[in-house]
Amino acid sequence: MQTSTVMNPMIERRKKPRITCSYPAIIQGRDNEGKKFRTDATLTNLSANGLCLVLKTKAPLGNDLFVLFRCSS
């Protein structure tokens, strides 16, 4: 018996276009106990409404973060 699958293309729901990139970044914030932390990350894409980061260590969910990155070499 042969089965077939129907592939549905993903529908883009973002309001602003994303720009793919790879820039080093520094993340600063406070952990769940209120202690300051700083970690390295890589910015992988960004838009007017947000960004995507790959962090080297875990960051607490729901906390505000300060992100520092440079868009040129």
N, C-alpha and C. Protein backbone atom coordinates (compact mmCIF):
# COMPACT_ATOMS: atom_id res chain seq x y z
N MET A 1 0.84 -1.16 0.00
CA MET A 1 0.00 0.00 0.00
C MET A 1 0.89 1.24 0.00
N GLN A 2 0.56 2.21 -0.81
CA GLN A 2 1.32 3.42 -0.91
C GLN A 2 0.56 4.55 -0.23
N THR A 3 1.27 5.30 0.58
CA THR A 3 0.63 6.44 1.24
C THR A 3 1.27 7.72 0.72
N SER A 4 0.53 8.77 0.74
CA SER A 4 1.07 10.05 0.33
C SER A 4 0.85 11.06 1.44
N THR A 5 1.72 12.00 1.49
CA THR A 5 1.58 13.07 2.48
C THR A 5 1.44 14.38 1.74
N VAL A 6 0.64 15.23 2.27
CA VAL A 6 0.43 16.54 1.69
C VAL A 6 1.25 17.53 2.51
N MET A 7 2.13 18.22 1.85
CA MET A 7 2.98 19.19 2.53
C MET A 7 2.32 20.56 2.44
N ASN A 8 2.04 21.16 3.56
CA ASN A 8 1.49 22.51 3.59
C ASN A 8 2.63 23.49 3.77
N PRO A 9 2.77 24.44 2.87
CA PRO A 9 3.83 25.43 3.08
C PRO A 9 3.53 26.24 4.33
N MET A 10 4.60 26.59 5.05
CA MET A 10 4.42 27.38 6.27
C MET A 10 3.98 28.79 5.87
N ILE A 11 3.01 29.28 6.57
CA ILE A 11 2.49 30.62 6.33
C ILE A 11 3.23 31.58 7.26
N GLU A 12 3.83 32.59 6.69
CA GLU A 12 4.55 33.59 7.49
C GLU A 12 3.54 34.49 8.19
N ARG A 13 3.59 34.51 9.52
CA ARG A 13 2.65 35.31 10.30
C ARG A 13 3.30 36.53 10.92
N ARG A 14 4.59 36.70 10.73
CA ARG A 14 5.25 37.87 11.30
C ARG A 14 4.81 39.13 10.57
N LYS A 15 4.71 40.22 11.31
CA LYS A 15 4.27 41.49 10.72
C LYS A 15 5.40 42.20 9.99
N LYS A 16 6.63 41.98 10.41
CA LYS A 16 7.80 42.62 9.81
C LYS A 16 8.75 41.53 9.30
N PRO A 17 9.46 41.80 8.21
CA PRO A 17 10.39 40.80 7.68
C PRO A 17 11.57 40.56 8.61
N ARG A 18 12.08 39.34 8.59
CA ARG A 18 13.25 38.96 9.38
C ARG A 18 14.50 39.06 8.53
N ILE A 19 15.60 39.45 9.13
CA ILE A 19 16.89 39.51 8.47
C ILE A 19 17.77 38.45 9.10
N THR A 20 18.24 37.51 8.30
CA THR A 20 19.13 36.47 8.79
C THR A 20 20.54 37.05 8.94
N CYS A 21 21.19 36.74 10.05
CA CYS A 21 22.52 37.28 10.32
C CYS A 21 23.25 36.35 11.28
N SER A 22 24.46 36.71 11.58
CA SER A 22 25.24 35.99 12.59
C SER A 22 26.22 36.98 13.21
N TYR A 23 25.80 37.57 14.34
CA TYR A 23 26.60 38.56 15.03
C TYR A 23 26.80 38.13 16.49
N PRO A 24 28.00 38.33 17.01
CA PRO A 24 28.19 38.06 18.44
C PRO A 24 27.40 39.08 19.26
N ALA A 25 26.93 38.65 20.41
CA ALA A 25 26.13 39.52 21.28
C ALA A 25 26.49 39.24 22.74
N ILE A 26 26.20 40.20 23.58
CA ILE A 26 26.36 40.05 25.03
C ILE A 26 24.98 40.26 25.65
N ILE A 27 24.60 39.35 26.52
CA ILE A 27 23.30 39.41 27.20
C ILE A 27 23.54 39.70 28.67
N GLN A 28 22.82 40.68 29.22
CA GLN A 28 22.90 40.98 30.64
C GLN A 28 21.50 41.01 31.22
N GLY A 29 21.40 40.64 32.48
CA GLY A 29 20.11 40.67 33.15
C GLY A 29 20.24 40.23 34.59
N ARG A 30 19.13 39.83 35.16
CA ARG A 30 19.12 39.32 36.53
C ARG A 30 18.47 37.94 36.51
N ASP A 31 19.02 37.03 37.33
CA ASP A 31 18.45 35.70 37.41
C ASP A 31 17.22 35.73 38.32
N ASN A 32 16.64 34.58 38.55
CA ASN A 32 15.41 34.52 39.36
C ASN A 32 15.62 34.90 40.82
N GLU A 33 16.88 34.87 41.29
CA GLU A 33 17.18 35.30 42.65
C GLU A 33 17.56 36.78 42.72
N GLY A 34 17.55 37.46 41.56
CA GLY A 34 17.88 38.88 41.52
C GLY A 34 19.35 39.18 41.33
N LYS A 35 20.19 38.14 41.17
CA LYS A 35 21.61 38.35 40.96
C LYS A 35 21.88 38.69 39.49
N LYS A 36 22.80 39.65 39.27
CA LYS A 36 23.16 40.04 37.91
C LYS A 36 23.88 38.89 37.21
N PHE A 37 23.64 38.75 35.90
CA PHE A 37 24.39 37.78 35.11
C PHE A 37 24.72 38.40 33.76
N ARG A 38 25.74 37.83 33.13
CA ARG A 38 26.18 38.27 31.81
C ARG A 38 26.65 37.03 31.06
N THR A 39 26.22 36.88 29.81
CA THR A 39 26.62 35.71 29.03
C THR A 39 26.78 36.10 27.56
N ASP A 40 27.56 35.32 26.86
CA ASP A 40 27.74 35.52 25.42
C ASP A 40 26.62 34.84 24.66
N ALA A 41 26.33 35.37 23.47
CA ALA A 41 25.28 34.81 22.62
C ALA A 41 25.62 35.10 21.17
N THR A 42 24.82 34.52 20.27
CA THR A 42 24.92 34.82 18.85
C THR A 42 23.55 35.26 18.37
N LEU A 43 23.50 36.42 17.75
CA LEU A 43 22.26 36.93 17.15
C LEU A 43 22.11 36.25 15.80
N THR A 44 21.00 35.52 15.59
CA THR A 44 20.83 34.76 14.34
C THR A 44 19.86 35.41 13.37
N ASN A 45 18.91 36.19 13.86
CA ASN A 45 18.05 36.97 12.98
C ASN A 45 17.35 38.06 13.78
N LEU A 46 16.92 39.09 13.06
CA LEU A 46 16.24 40.19 13.74
C LEU A 46 15.25 40.87 12.82
N SER A 47 14.32 41.60 13.43
CA SER A 47 13.31 42.37 12.69
C SER A 47 12.98 43.60 13.52
N ALA A 48 12.06 44.40 13.04
CA ALA A 48 11.63 45.58 13.79
C ALA A 48 10.89 45.18 15.07
N ASN A 49 10.38 43.95 15.13
CA ASN A 49 9.57 43.51 16.27
C ASN A 49 10.27 42.53 17.20
N GLY A 50 11.49 42.10 16.87
CA GLY A 50 12.13 41.13 17.75
C GLY A 50 13.42 40.60 17.17
N LEU A 51 13.99 39.64 17.89
CA LEU A 51 15.23 39.03 17.46
C LEU A 51 15.31 37.61 17.99
N CYS A 52 16.25 36.85 17.41
CA CYS A 52 16.48 35.48 17.85
C CYS A 52 17.93 35.36 18.25
N LEU A 53 18.16 34.84 19.46
CA LEU A 53 19.51 34.68 19.99
C LEU A 53 19.76 33.23 20.34
N VAL A 54 21.00 32.80 20.17
CA VAL A 54 21.45 31.50 20.67
C VAL A 54 22.39 31.81 21.81
N LEU A 55 21.99 31.42 23.03
CA LEU A 55 22.78 31.72 24.22
C LEU A 55 23.70 30.56 24.56
N LYS A 56 24.85 30.88 25.14
CA LYS A 56 25.79 29.85 25.56
C LYS A 56 25.38 29.22 26.88
N THR A 57 24.62 29.95 27.69
CA THR A 57 24.09 29.43 28.95
C THR A 57 22.61 29.77 29.03
N LYS A 58 21.91 29.15 29.94
CA LYS A 58 20.47 29.40 30.08
C LYS A 58 20.22 30.76 30.71
N ALA A 59 19.16 31.40 30.27
CA ALA A 59 18.71 32.66 30.87
C ALA A 59 17.31 32.43 31.42
N PRO A 60 16.95 33.09 32.52
CA PRO A 60 15.63 32.88 33.11
C PRO A 60 14.51 33.35 32.18
N LEU A 61 13.44 32.58 32.14
CA LEU A 61 12.28 32.94 31.33
C LEU A 61 11.50 34.07 31.98
N GLY A 62 11.00 34.98 31.15
CA GLY A 62 10.13 36.04 31.63
C GLY A 62 10.83 37.24 32.20
N ASN A 63 12.16 37.21 32.29
CA ASN A 63 12.90 38.35 32.84
C ASN A 63 13.36 39.27 31.71
N ASP A 64 13.48 40.55 32.01
CA ASP A 64 14.00 41.50 31.03
C ASP A 64 15.49 41.26 30.81
N LEU A 65 15.92 41.40 29.56
CA LEU A 65 17.32 41.23 29.21
C LEU A 65 17.82 42.47 28.48
N PHE A 66 19.09 42.77 28.67
CA PHE A 66 19.76 43.81 27.91
C PHE A 66 20.62 43.11 26.88
N VAL A 67 20.44 43.44 25.60
CA VAL A 67 21.17 42.79 24.51
C VAL A 67 22.06 43.83 23.83
N LEU A 68 23.34 43.50 23.72
CA LEU A 68 24.29 44.38 23.08
C LEU A 68 24.92 43.63 21.90
N PHE A 69 24.82 44.22 20.69
CA PHE A 69 25.45 43.60 19.52
C PHE A 69 25.85 44.69 18.54
N ARG A 70 26.75 44.33 17.67
CA ARG A 70 27.25 45.25 16.65
C ARG A 70 26.95 44.65 15.28
N CYS A 71 26.34 45.43 14.40
CA CYS A 71 25.92 44.92 13.10
C CYS A 71 26.99 45.02 12.01
N SER A 72 28.22 45.36 12.36
CA SER A 72 29.29 45.43 11.37
C SER A 72 30.55 44.82 11.94
N SER A 73 31.47 44.52 11.07
CA SER A 73 32.74 43.90 11.51
C SER A 73 33.74 44.95 11.93
